[in-house]
Protein backbone atom coordinates (compact mmCIF):
# COMPACT_ATOMS: atom_id res chain seq x y z
CA MET A 1 -27.94 11.53 -46.11
CA GLY A 2 -28.78 8.14 -46.20
CA LYS A 3 -26.13 6.19 -47.19
CA ARG A 4 -23.51 4.34 -44.63
CA ARG A 5 -20.71 2.17 -45.05
CA ARG A 6 -18.31 -0.13 -42.90
CA VAL A 7 -14.71 1.28 -43.00
CA ALA A 8 -12.15 -1.39 -42.32
CA GLU A 9 -10.59 -1.12 -38.54
CA ARG A 10 -7.37 0.44 -38.54
CA ARG A 11 -6.98 3.52 -36.45
CA LYS A 12 -7.03 3.50 -32.66
CA THR A 13 -7.19 7.86 -32.74
CA GLY A 14 -9.95 10.35 -34.54
CA PRO A 15 -11.11 11.96 -35.95
CA ALA A 16 -9.55 12.40 -39.10
CA VAL A 17 -11.12 13.48 -42.77
CA VAL A 18 -11.56 10.22 -45.09
CA GLY A 19 -12.90 10.40 -48.63
CA GLY A 20 -14.41 13.62 -47.81
CA MET A 21 -16.54 12.29 -44.47
CA ILE A 22 -15.64 12.14 -40.99
CA ALA A 23 -14.53 8.64 -39.66
CA VAL A 24 -14.29 9.25 -35.53
CA VAL A 25 -12.32 6.20 -33.93
CA VAL A 26 -13.18 4.72 -30.69
CA GLY A 27 -10.36 2.22 -30.52
CA GLY A 28 -10.43 -0.41 -28.15
CA ALA A 29 -11.38 -4.07 -27.96
CA GLY A 30 -14.76 -5.34 -29.39
CA LEU A 31 -16.53 -2.08 -30.74
CA GLY A 32 -14.94 -1.53 -34.13
CA VAL A 33 -15.01 1.77 -36.06
CA TYR A 34 -17.83 3.28 -37.53
CA ALA A 35 -18.06 6.06 -40.32
CA LEU A 36 -20.53 8.56 -39.82
CA TYR A 37 -22.57 10.38 -42.86
CA GLY A 38 -24.77 13.10 -41.20
CA GLY A 39 -23.98 11.56 -37.70
CA GLY A 40 -25.70 8.29 -38.48
CA ALA A 41 -23.72 5.03 -37.25
CA ALA A 42 -23.79 1.55 -39.42
CA ALA A 43 -24.87 -1.44 -37.88
CA ASP A 44 -21.76 -3.86 -37.91
CA ASP A 45 -23.97 -6.52 -40.02
CA GLY A 46 -24.82 -4.31 -42.78
CA SER A 47 -28.78 -3.86 -42.06
CA ARG A 48 -30.50 -0.90 -42.99
CA ALA A 49 -33.21 0.69 -41.16
CA ALA A 50 -36.97 -0.33 -41.34
CA SER A 51 -38.96 1.46 -43.15
CA ALA A 52 -41.13 4.04 -41.57
CA SER A 53 -44.30 2.43 -42.61
CA HIS A 54 -43.43 -1.30 -41.31
CA ARG A 55 -43.43 -1.37 -37.67
CA GLU A 56 -41.09 -4.09 -36.20
CA PRO A 57 -42.59 -5.95 -33.13
CA VAL A 58 -41.03 -4.49 -29.66
CA LYS A 59 -37.87 -6.41 -29.11
CA THR A 60 -37.32 -8.38 -25.49
CA GLY A 61 -34.72 -10.32 -23.72
CA PRO A 62 -31.45 -10.12 -23.38
CA LEU A 63 -29.27 -7.70 -25.25
CA SER A 64 -27.18 -9.02 -28.57
CA ALA A 65 -22.97 -8.41 -28.44
CA THR A 66 -24.12 -6.49 -31.55
CA GLU A 67 -26.72 -4.05 -29.67
CA VAL A 68 -24.17 -3.25 -27.24
CA ARG A 69 -21.45 -2.61 -29.06
CA THR A 70 -23.31 -0.07 -31.54
CA THR A 71 -25.16 1.41 -28.83
CA ALA A 72 -21.61 1.91 -27.05
CA ALA A 73 -19.98 2.86 -29.81
CA ARG A 74 -23.17 5.58 -30.86
CA PHE A 75 -22.71 7.15 -27.53
CA LEU A 76 -19.01 7.39 -27.41
CA THR A 77 -18.66 8.79 -30.80
CA ALA A 78 -21.23 11.44 -29.98
CA TRP A 79 -19.20 12.36 -27.09
CA GLN A 80 -16.30 12.38 -28.36
CA GLN A 81 -16.73 14.82 -31.34
CA GLY A 82 -19.06 16.94 -29.12
CA LYS A 83 -21.88 16.10 -30.58
CA VAL A 84 -24.31 16.53 -26.85
CA THR A 85 -27.56 16.27 -28.57
CA GLN A 86 -26.71 13.01 -30.40
CA ALA A 87 -24.75 11.45 -27.37
CA ALA A 88 -27.57 12.18 -24.77
CA ALA A 89 -30.04 10.73 -27.48
CA ALA A 90 -28.21 7.31 -27.05
CA THR A 91 -28.91 7.12 -23.78
CA ASP A 92 -32.39 6.60 -21.62
CA ASP A 93 -32.33 9.98 -19.78
CA SER A 94 -31.20 12.50 -22.56
CA GLY A 95 -32.31 15.41 -20.17
CA ALA A 96 -29.84 14.76 -17.36
CA ALA A 97 -27.15 13.25 -20.48
CA THR A 98 -27.47 16.81 -22.03
CA ALA A 99 -27.07 18.72 -19.12
CA LEU A 100 -24.09 16.85 -17.68
CA LEU A 101 -22.21 16.40 -20.99
CA THR A 102 -22.70 19.95 -21.92
CA GLY A 103 -21.35 20.86 -18.93
CA TYR A 104 -18.42 19.05 -18.70
CA THR A 105 -17.35 21.49 -21.76
CA LYS A 106 -18.85 24.87 -20.68
CA ASP A 107 -18.27 24.28 -17.08
CA ALA A 108 -15.25 22.33 -16.71
CA HIS A 109 -13.55 23.17 -19.60
CA VAL A 110 -12.39 19.84 -20.72
CA LYS A 111 -11.61 19.58 -24.63
CA ASP A 112 -9.69 17.11 -27.09
CA VAL A 113 -11.55 14.35 -25.84
CA THR A 114 -10.08 10.99 -27.16
CA LEU A 115 -12.31 7.77 -25.70
CA THR A 116 -11.00 4.25 -25.78
CA THR A 117 -12.91 1.39 -24.87
CA GLY A 118 -12.09 -1.91 -23.42
CA THR A 119 -13.27 -5.33 -23.41
CA ARG A 120 -16.88 -5.85 -23.22
CA THR A 121 -18.17 -7.98 -20.41
CA GLY A 122 -21.63 -8.44 -21.08
CA ALA A 123 -23.82 -5.33 -21.35
CA LYS A 124 -21.24 -3.82 -19.50
CA VAL A 125 -18.06 -1.44 -21.63
CA PRO A 126 -15.22 0.28 -19.74
CA PHE A 127 -13.54 3.01 -21.59
CA SER A 128 -10.62 5.44 -20.79
CA VAL A 129 -11.22 9.27 -20.99
CA LYS A 130 -8.01 11.50 -22.32
CA GLY A 131 -8.84 14.99 -22.75
CA THR A 132 -7.22 18.60 -22.20
CA VAL A 133 -8.65 20.86 -19.23
CA SER A 134 -8.16 24.59 -20.03
CA TYR A 135 -8.94 27.56 -17.99
CA LYS A 136 -7.84 31.03 -18.70
CA GLY A 137 -4.79 30.46 -20.67
CA VAL A 138 -3.83 27.34 -17.49
CA SER A 139 -3.89 23.81 -19.48
CA LYS A 140 -3.40 20.39 -17.82
CA PRO A 141 -3.68 16.72 -19.21
CA LEU A 142 -6.79 14.62 -17.81
CA ALA A 143 -7.15 11.14 -17.78
CA TYR A 144 -9.20 8.72 -16.05
CA LYS A 145 -11.14 5.20 -16.34
CA SER A 146 -14.85 5.00 -16.58
CA ALA A 147 -17.83 2.71 -17.90
CA LEU A 148 -21.58 2.75 -18.79
CA THR A 149 -24.14 -0.33 -19.41
CA VAL A 150 -26.42 -1.34 -22.53
CA VAL A 151 -30.13 -1.63 -21.25
CA ARG A 152 -33.26 -2.32 -23.55
CA ARG A 153 -36.07 0.37 -23.52
CA LYS A 154 -38.96 -1.63 -22.83
CA SER A 155 -41.31 0.99 -24.22
CA ASP A 156 -40.07 -0.01 -27.81
CA GLY A 157 -37.19 -2.33 -27.04
CA LYS A 158 -34.41 -0.16 -28.34
CA PRO A 159 -30.69 -0.47 -26.87
CA LEU A 160 -29.65 2.27 -24.88
CA VAL A 161 -27.08 3.74 -22.92
CA GLU A 162 -28.00 3.10 -19.21
CA TRP A 163 -27.62 7.03 -17.45
CA HIS A 164 -26.01 7.71 -14.61
CA ALA A 165 -23.57 10.39 -13.85
CA SER A 166 -20.57 8.24 -13.34
CA VAL A 167 -20.83 7.24 -16.89
CA VAL A 168 -18.81 10.61 -17.40
CA HIS A 169 -16.35 10.18 -14.13
CA PRO A 170 -16.60 7.39 -11.94
CA ASP A 171 -16.76 9.88 -8.86
CA LEU A 172 -19.92 11.68 -9.95
CA LYS A 173 -23.25 10.61 -8.41
CA ASP A 174 -26.54 11.84 -10.01
CA GLY A 175 -27.18 15.21 -9.49
CA ASP A 176 -23.80 16.19 -9.09
CA LYS A 177 -21.61 18.28 -11.73
CA LEU A 178 -18.12 19.07 -12.53
CA VAL A 179 -16.53 22.80 -12.37
CA THR A 180 -13.19 24.19 -13.09
CA GLY A 181 -12.30 27.93 -11.67
CA ALA A 182 -11.08 29.12 -8.89
CA SER A 183 -12.15 26.72 -6.07
CA GLY A 184 -14.33 28.38 -3.43
CA THR A 185 -12.70 26.82 -0.75
CA PRO A 186 -9.09 27.40 -0.19
CA PRO A 187 -7.10 24.07 0.40
CA VAL A 188 -5.98 22.73 3.66
CA LYS A 189 -2.69 21.39 4.92
CA ALA A 190 -3.94 18.78 7.53
CA LEU A 191 -1.92 17.78 10.26
CA ASP A 192 -1.71 15.07 12.78
CA ARG A 193 -1.61 15.56 16.87
CA ASP A 194 2.29 16.15 16.29
CA GLY A 195 2.10 18.55 13.66
CA GLY A 196 3.00 15.99 11.32
CA GLU A 197 1.27 16.42 7.80
CA LEU A 198 -1.39 14.28 6.69
CA THR A 199 -1.60 13.12 3.45
CA THR A 200 -3.16 9.98 1.18
CA ALA A 201 0.50 8.85 0.27
CA ALA A 202 1.07 7.89 3.63
CA TYR A 203 -2.37 7.45 4.64
CA PRO A 204 -5.03 5.75 2.27
CA SER A 205 -7.76 6.08 4.16
CA LEU A 206 -8.08 9.58 4.55
CA GLY A 207 -8.98 10.40 1.32
CA THR A 208 -12.79 11.50 2.51
CA VAL A 209 -11.59 12.77 5.71
CA LEU A 210 -8.85 15.20 4.18
CA ASP A 211 -12.17 16.12 1.43
CA GLY A 212 -14.19 17.13 4.53
CA LEU A 213 -11.66 19.09 6.20
CA ARG A 214 -11.08 21.17 3.39
CA GLU A 215 -14.38 21.71 3.01
CA LYS A 216 -15.32 22.53 6.89
CA PHE A 217 -11.85 24.40 7.16
CA GLY A 218 -11.02 25.91 4.39
CA LYS A 219 -11.99 29.28 4.43
CA VAL A 220 -11.21 29.51 8.23
CA ALA A 221 -7.79 28.11 7.92
CA GLY A 222 -6.15 30.80 5.97
CA GLY A 223 -5.62 29.80 3.05
CA LYS A 224 -6.02 31.45 -0.52
CA ALA A 225 -8.00 29.16 -3.07
CA GLY A 226 -6.45 28.07 -6.70
CA VAL A 227 -7.62 26.97 -9.88
CA GLU A 228 -8.97 23.29 -10.22
CA LEU A 229 -11.42 20.88 -11.68
CA ARG A 230 -13.72 19.49 -8.84
CA VAL A 231 -16.95 17.54 -8.55
CA VAL A 232 -19.38 19.90 -6.77
CA ARG A 233 -22.29 17.73 -5.18
CA GLY A 234 -25.92 18.20 -5.68
CA THR A 235 -28.51 18.06 -3.00
CA ALA A 236 -28.82 14.09 -2.84
CA SER A 237 -25.19 13.84 -2.38
CA THR A 238 -25.03 16.66 -0.13
CA LYS A 239 -27.91 14.87 1.67
CA ALA A 240 -25.88 12.21 1.94
CA LYS A 241 -22.82 14.07 3.59
CA LEU A 242 -20.75 13.63 0.77
CA SER A 243 -17.76 16.38 0.43
CA ASP A 244 -16.86 18.26 -3.04
CA LYS A 245 -13.87 16.90 -4.68
CA THR A 246 -11.00 18.02 -6.31
CA LEU A 247 -9.87 16.04 -9.54
CA LEU A 248 -7.17 18.04 -11.03
CA GLU A 249 -5.21 21.22 -9.60
CA LEU A 250 -4.59 23.23 -12.69
CA SER A 251 -2.77 26.23 -10.18
CA LYS A 252 -2.15 25.53 -6.65
CA GLY A 253 -3.48 27.60 -4.00
CA THR A 254 -2.13 28.74 -0.75
CA PRO A 255 -3.31 26.08 1.87
CA GLY A 256 -4.31 26.87 5.44
CA THR A 257 -3.46 24.35 7.97
CA VAL A 258 -5.77 22.36 10.24
CA LYS A 259 -4.50 20.48 13.00
CA THR A 260 -6.67 17.24 13.68
CA THR A 261 -6.52 14.81 16.80
CA LEU A 262 -4.99 11.88 14.47
CA ASP A 263 -2.19 9.68 16.25
CA PRO A 264 0.19 9.04 13.47
CA ALA A 265 1.21 5.48 15.12
CA LEU A 266 -2.24 4.41 15.71
CA GLN A 267 -3.70 5.77 12.05
CA VAL A 268 -0.27 3.99 10.29
CA ALA A 269 -1.47 0.61 12.49
CA ALA A 270 -5.65 1.24 11.73
CA GLU A 271 -4.37 1.51 7.58
CA ARG A 272 -2.27 -1.53 8.12
CA GLU A 273 -5.09 -3.88 10.08
CA VAL A 274 -7.94 -2.50 7.62
CA SER A 275 -6.12 -3.62 4.52
CA LYS A 276 -5.93 -7.31 5.94
CA GLN A 277 -10.13 -7.65 5.72
CA ALA A 278 -11.69 -6.98 2.18
CA ARG A 279 -14.30 -4.37 3.91
CA ALA A 280 -13.20 -3.42 7.13
CA SER A 281 -13.23 0.06 8.69
CA VAL A 282 -12.40 0.84 12.24
CA VAL A 283 -12.16 4.07 14.50
CA VAL A 284 -9.81 4.70 17.91
CA MET A 285 -10.66 7.35 20.45
CA ARG A 286 -9.86 8.87 23.88
CA PRO A 287 -12.82 8.22 26.19
CA SER A 288 -11.75 11.26 28.85
CA THR A 289 -11.78 13.90 25.94
CA GLY A 290 -13.30 12.15 22.60
CA GLU A 291 -10.84 12.69 20.63
CA ILE A 292 -10.63 10.92 17.49
CA LEU A 293 -7.03 9.24 17.41
CA ALA A 294 -7.56 6.97 14.15
CA VAL A 295 -9.85 6.24 11.64
CA ALA A 296 -9.29 3.73 8.71
CA ASN A 297 -11.50 2.11 5.95
CA THR A 298 -10.43 -0.81 3.37
CA ASN A 299 -12.55 1.23 0.78
CA HIS A 300 -10.96 4.40 -0.05
CA GLY A 301 -14.26 5.81 -1.64
CA TRP A 302 -16.55 5.76 1.37
CA ASN A 303 -15.91 6.40 5.14
CA THR A 304 -17.84 3.73 6.57
CA ALA A 305 -16.26 4.65 9.71
CA PHE A 306 -17.80 7.90 10.38
CA GLN A 307 -20.71 7.97 7.75
CA GLY A 308 -22.10 3.95 7.68
CA SER A 309 -25.13 3.13 8.48
CA LEU A 310 -25.48 -0.34 9.46
CA ALA A 311 -27.46 -2.81 11.82
CA PRO A 312 -24.83 -3.14 14.80
CA GLY A 313 -25.67 -6.43 16.20
CA SER A 314 -24.74 -7.61 19.54
CA THR A 315 -22.59 -4.57 20.21
CA MET A 316 -25.96 -2.73 20.87
CA LYS A 317 -26.60 -4.93 23.99
CA ILE A 318 -24.34 -2.78 25.88
CA VAL A 319 -27.06 0.14 25.33
CA THR A 320 -29.77 -2.42 26.49
CA SER A 321 -28.32 -3.82 28.98
CA THR A 322 -27.89 0.02 30.10
CA MET A 323 -31.77 0.27 30.15
CA LEU A 324 -31.95 -2.85 32.12
CA PHE A 325 -29.74 -2.20 34.51
CA GLU A 326 -31.02 1.45 34.80
CA LYS A 327 -34.40 0.12 35.29
CA GLY A 328 -33.97 -2.48 37.65
CA LEU A 329 -34.72 -5.24 35.55
CA VAL A 330 -31.91 -7.59 35.92
CA THR A 331 -28.40 -7.32 37.55
CA PRO A 332 -25.45 -9.16 36.06
CA ALA A 333 -25.14 -12.12 38.86
CA ALA A 334 -28.93 -12.61 38.62
CA SER A 335 -30.27 -16.29 37.54
CA HIS A 336 -31.83 -15.53 33.88
CA PRO A 337 -32.12 -18.08 31.08
CA CYS A 338 -31.87 -17.46 27.66
CA PRO A 339 -33.99 -19.85 25.93
CA LYS A 340 -32.96 -21.36 22.25
CA LYS A 341 -36.68 -20.41 21.08
CA TYR A 342 -38.71 -16.99 22.27
CA LYS A 343 -41.62 -16.23 20.57
CA LEU A 344 -42.69 -12.22 19.91
CA ALA A 345 -45.65 -10.61 18.33
CA GLY A 346 -45.40 -13.49 15.96
CA TRP A 347 -42.13 -13.96 15.27
CA THR A 348 -40.02 -17.00 16.49
CA PHE A 349 -36.13 -15.50 17.57
CA HIS A 350 -33.56 -18.06 17.62
CA ASN A 351 -29.87 -17.65 19.08
CA ASP A 352 -26.76 -18.59 16.73
CA ASP A 353 -26.43 -22.22 16.13
CA ASN A 354 -29.48 -22.47 18.13
CA SER A 355 -27.51 -22.65 21.52
CA GLU A 356 -29.06 -21.85 24.85
CA ILE A 357 -28.42 -21.32 28.56
CA LYS A 358 -30.85 -23.09 31.07
CA HIS A 359 -29.11 -22.08 34.00
CA GLY A 360 -26.88 -19.39 33.54
CA THR A 361 -26.83 -15.54 34.99
CA PHE A 362 -27.24 -12.55 33.08
CA LYS A 363 -23.43 -12.14 32.75
CA MET A 364 -23.02 -15.31 31.30
CA SER A 365 -25.75 -14.66 28.70
CA PHE A 366 -23.90 -11.19 27.57
CA GLY A 367 -20.97 -12.94 27.58
CA ALA A 368 -22.17 -15.52 25.22
CA SER A 369 -24.17 -13.04 23.15
CA CYS A 370 -27.29 -15.02 23.85
CA ASN A 371 -29.66 -13.22 22.08
CA ASN A 372 -33.27 -14.70 23.58
CA ALA A 373 -31.90 -13.43 26.89
CA PHE A 374 -32.40 -9.54 26.05
CA ILE A 375 -35.61 -10.20 23.53
CA ASN A 376 -37.49 -11.83 26.36
CA PHE A 377 -37.19 -8.53 28.29
CA ALA A 378 -39.30 -6.85 25.75
CA PRO A 379 -43.04 -7.63 27.02
CA LYS A 380 -41.33 -5.74 30.45
CA LEU A 381 -40.21 -2.15 28.06
CA SER A 382 -42.26 0.58 26.03
CA ASN A 383 -41.38 1.16 22.60
CA SER A 384 -39.85 4.22 23.02
CA ASP A 385 -37.51 2.81 25.74
CA LEU A 386 -34.09 1.93 24.26
CA THR A 387 -34.28 5.19 21.91
CA LYS A 388 -34.33 7.12 24.89
CA GLU A 389 -31.52 5.60 26.66
CA ALA A 390 -29.46 5.95 23.66
CA GLN A 391 -30.09 9.32 22.80
CA GLU A 392 -30.11 10.35 26.62
CA VAL A 393 -27.46 8.41 27.94
CA TYR A 394 -24.88 7.84 24.89
CA GLY A 395 -25.80 10.88 22.68
CA LEU A 396 -27.08 8.86 19.74
CA GLY A 397 -29.36 9.50 16.78
CA LEU A 398 -30.35 13.25 16.96
CA ASP A 399 -28.09 14.31 14.40
CA ASN A 400 -26.23 16.85 16.37
CA TRP A 401 -22.32 15.82 16.28
CA ALA A 402 -20.24 18.31 15.10
CA ILE A 403 -16.78 16.08 14.48
CA GLY A 404 -15.07 18.40 12.22
CA VAL A 405 -15.70 16.40 9.03
CA PRO A 406 -19.36 14.98 7.68
CA SER A 407 -20.46 11.98 10.14
CA PHE A 408 -23.59 9.89 10.29
CA ASP A 409 -24.54 10.02 14.54
CA GLY A 410 -26.55 6.64 15.27
CA SER A 411 -30.32 5.86 14.80
CA VAL A 412 -32.65 4.08 17.07
CA PRO A 413 -36.11 4.36 16.32
CA VAL A 414 -38.76 3.78 17.94
CA GLN A 415 -40.36 0.66 16.93
CA SER A 416 -42.94 -1.92 18.05
CA GLY A 417 -44.00 -5.83 18.29
CA ALA A 418 -41.17 -8.00 17.16
CA GLN A 419 -39.26 -4.90 15.40
CA MET A 420 -38.94 -3.53 18.93
CA GLY A 421 -37.52 -7.12 19.98
CA ALA A 422 -34.58 -7.36 17.08
CA SER A 423 -33.88 -3.66 18.04
CA LEU A 424 -32.77 -5.01 21.57
CA ILE A 425 -29.84 -7.01 19.73
CA GLY A 426 -28.70 -4.59 17.35
CA GLN A 427 -30.98 -5.45 14.32
CA GLY A 428 -34.60 -3.90 13.12
CA GLY A 429 -33.87 -0.48 12.22
CA VAL A 430 -31.16 0.36 14.48
CA ARG A 431 -28.12 1.67 12.59
CA MET A 432 -24.64 2.53 13.64
CA ASN A 433 -21.30 2.78 12.42
CA PRO A 434 -17.69 2.22 14.13
CA LEU A 435 -17.46 5.79 15.44
CA ASN A 436 -20.51 5.68 17.29
CA MET A 437 -19.84 2.25 19.09
CA ALA A 438 -16.41 3.38 19.70
CA SER A 439 -18.40 6.05 21.82
CA VAL A 440 -20.58 3.73 22.96
CA ALA A 441 -17.20 1.56 24.49
CA ALA A 442 -15.62 4.92 25.49
CA THR A 443 -19.01 6.05 27.57
CA VAL A 444 -19.15 3.08 29.32
CA GLN A 445 -15.31 3.05 30.57
CA THR A 446 -15.67 7.09 31.32
CA GLY A 447 -19.25 7.13 32.80
CA VAL A 448 -20.12 10.01 30.58
CA PHE A 449 -20.26 11.37 27.20
CA HIS A 450 -18.08 12.77 25.71
CA GLN A 451 -18.70 13.42 21.69
CA PRO A 452 -16.25 12.17 19.64
CA TYR A 453 -14.13 15.00 17.41
CA LEU A 454 -11.52 15.33 14.83
CA VAL A 455 -10.42 18.97 15.11
CA SER A 456 -11.17 20.88 18.32
CA PRO A 457 -13.76 22.84 18.61
CA SER A 458 -11.80 26.24 19.70
CA VAL A 459 -10.78 26.54 16.18
CA ASP A 460 -14.10 27.30 14.58
CA HIS A 461 -15.95 27.77 17.99
CA ARG A 462 -18.72 24.70 16.70
CA THR A 463 -20.25 23.57 19.93
CA LEU A 464 -20.27 20.07 20.91
CA ALA A 465 -23.06 17.51 21.34
CA LYS A 466 -23.66 16.56 24.59
CA ALA A 467 -25.84 13.57 26.80
CA ALA A 468 -28.86 15.01 28.43
CA ARG A 469 -27.93 12.84 31.59
CA THR A 470 -25.33 10.35 32.98
CA MET A 471 -25.45 6.86 33.92
CA SER A 472 -25.25 6.30 37.83
CA SER A 473 -22.04 4.76 38.61
CA LYS A 474 -23.70 1.45 39.71
CA THR A 475 -24.90 1.25 36.20
CA GLN A 476 -21.46 1.95 35.17
CA ALA A 477 -20.12 -0.95 37.30
CA GLU A 478 -22.42 -3.09 36.34
CA LEU A 479 -21.56 -2.65 32.65
CA LYS A 480 -17.94 -2.76 33.13
CA GLU A 481 -18.44 -5.96 34.72
CA VAL A 482 -20.29 -7.62 31.93
CA MET A 483 -17.92 -6.31 29.19
CA GLN A 484 -15.12 -7.47 31.66
CA TYR A 485 -16.42 -10.61 31.53
CA THR A 486 -16.82 -10.91 27.90
CA ALA A 487 -13.26 -9.89 27.39
CA ALA A 488 -11.93 -12.58 29.83
CA TYR A 489 -14.10 -15.15 29.14
CA GLY A 490 -16.55 -14.64 26.48
CA THR A 491 -16.66 -14.26 22.50
CA ALA A 492 -14.14 -11.56 22.90
CA ALA A 493 -11.49 -13.27 24.98
CA LYS A 494 -9.53 -14.89 21.97
CA ALA A 495 -9.28 -11.16 20.52
CA MET A 496 -8.25 -9.29 23.99
CA SER A 497 -6.00 -11.93 25.14
CA GLY A 498 -3.09 -10.33 27.20
CA LEU A 499 -4.75 -7.09 27.24
CA GLY A 500 -6.46 -7.27 30.88
CA PRO A 501 -7.01 -6.19 33.33
CA ASP A 502 -8.57 -2.74 32.64
CA TYR A 503 -10.44 -3.53 29.59
CA GLY A 504 -14.12 -4.71 28.56
CA ALA A 505 -15.29 -5.69 24.95
CA LYS A 506 -18.53 -6.90 23.26
CA THR A 507 -18.86 -8.78 19.68
CA GLY A 508 -21.74 -8.79 17.46
CA SER A 509 -22.65 -10.26 14.18
CA ALA A 510 -25.62 -8.59 11.94
CA GLU A 511 -27.49 -10.53 9.96
CA VAL A 512 -27.92 -8.67 6.33
CA ASP A 513 -30.25 -9.85 3.56
CA GLY A 514 -28.78 -11.36 0.62
CA GLN A 515 -25.37 -11.86 2.40
CA LYS A 516 -24.52 -14.88 3.04
CA LYS A 517 -22.07 -13.95 6.06
CA PRO A 518 -23.14 -11.44 8.45
CA ASN A 519 -21.26 -8.35 9.14
CA GLY A 520 -18.93 -9.04 12.01
CA TRP A 521 -18.37 -5.90 14.73
CA PHE A 522 -16.65 -5.48 17.88
CA THR A 523 -16.28 -2.67 20.36
CA ALA A 524 -13.83 -2.53 23.42
CA TYR A 525 -11.62 0.07 25.90
CA ARG A 526 -8.71 -0.93 27.55
CA GLY A 527 -7.45 2.08 29.56
CA ASP A 528 -7.83 5.50 27.93
CA LEU A 529 -8.58 3.90 24.75
CA ALA A 530 -11.82 2.74 23.10
CA ALA A 531 -12.27 1.37 19.62
CA ALA A 532 -14.97 -0.35 17.11
CA GLY A 533 -14.51 -2.17 13.99
CA VAL A 534 -16.60 -3.92 11.15
CA VAL A 535 -16.01 -6.26 8.45
CA GLN A 536 -18.76 -6.59 6.33
CA ALA A 537 -19.90 -9.88 5.10
CA GLY A 538 -16.90 -11.23 7.28
CA GLY A 539 -18.74 -13.54 9.54
CA HIS A 540 -18.54 -13.15 13.49
CA GLY A 541 -16.93 -9.94 14.83
CA GLY A 542 -14.98 -12.20 17.45
CA ASP A 543 -12.83 -13.77 14.51
CA THR A 544 -12.85 -10.82 12.24
CA ALA A 545 -13.41 -7.11 14.03
CA GLY A 546 -11.88 -8.46 17.13
CA PRO A 547 -8.10 -8.85 15.85
CA ILE A 548 -8.15 -5.04 14.08
CA VAL A 549 -9.62 -3.59 17.46
CA ALA A 550 -7.25 -5.81 19.38
CA ALA A 551 -4.02 -4.97 17.64
CA LEU A 552 -5.01 -1.01 17.48
CA LEU A 553 -5.91 -1.35 21.80
CA LYS A 554 -2.52 -2.86 22.75
CA THR A 555 -0.34 -0.17 19.81
CA GLY A 556 -2.13 2.47 21.78
CA GLY A 557 -1.31 1.12 25.09
């Protein structure tokens, strides 16, 4: 049992019987091949295990290349051989690893697994997976890429695979599992507003949307379930509003039909525009009805446009201004300075580039996005004023939107002191996404909140959210005055050039800890269209998200 020897690296497949022992090959760059006797893997330096009577000092510091290679090989070899206990023991969470690796065979019905490693980068080892999914006489090949990271356990210095469900499959989050069987939810055929089929081949951004449509409408759309390998979400993923995801169809079901409000021309344009930026998201909607006409994200794996939770920066000044106008604290033409610095509750707030407007109007400060013209109203406000305004007029932060797929409805928590001041300019604890901010612009354009929706509520008889009250016609006129000024002469003028006169816009830049450049925001309306976008870590909104939004308003106009 104690014998070990190195086997020359020749084969790239396995397992095979060699001289009365099992040699399991984990092929690829850097890991080598290990002959196993009784499940033990030989270290590539030929060293033998220390005797039980001699305790080695706890090893610390960075992992060596040998430690990474041997740990990865130990885990991958055991997994490939179906030795779940041994594979799990090579991780830092053997319980979670045992459960998921056991389910890989018993629940996901994956067999004949071959794991091939790629080139190691530090402690990270990429690998490819090939296998066969077999269920009730139906089989299909499965292939995908994944990666693992080796870490050192603090208690004894032992190198282990850092366990996350994504090691088994990159689409898994911790707590999720893989299951093969008759899908609980029949497939759906999603259509655009003109009756054309929506597919990820034509619209790459819609993968998460299509998953959400199936989860929501599959059982009411008239389809029949097929057999598939899918990700079944756990508690944490469900709370994050992630939908189950189909990875492989073994036999096709009969899809039901779900018609959406998406406009094919605008969707094509949205996909094109976000592809010009590394991390962009955008939503286009119709203010008069709430219909969502387009949604796109550069990152196709997460729907930031609907589910993102980001500080909206100065685009939040639209909501803040609504509150100030309603309270009679200021008017667009009122003289209102914007000082270079403003102190509030021990914090000193600065404007962008330390700018100031000494003798200007509130409209000028709105158009220039001058922060302290808003923060210096804080002493006249109660801590809950902005929260109430967002909820009661714009329908934000109540977690009751029902758009047809998972969404985040914004958050404007009650804050005090400097944090309350920061929330007035869309920082602090305020969180939004492009869907929320497109709805804000749409509400200004019509004067009434219409909850955005992707699928008509008549399909499943759901109730759309309503705002507790509407803004006055006077307040709406004041908001449109400052937003039109911004589109014509302010920070949004370059992007919105040539789109007037029935238009309005607001730019935003939100600082994020650890990010060199701020997130750039832009929201605007033009006629019966409203749109909002964000480019994460892109810089000022007028230069980054602005061209995306303006191009879509022009396309739809």
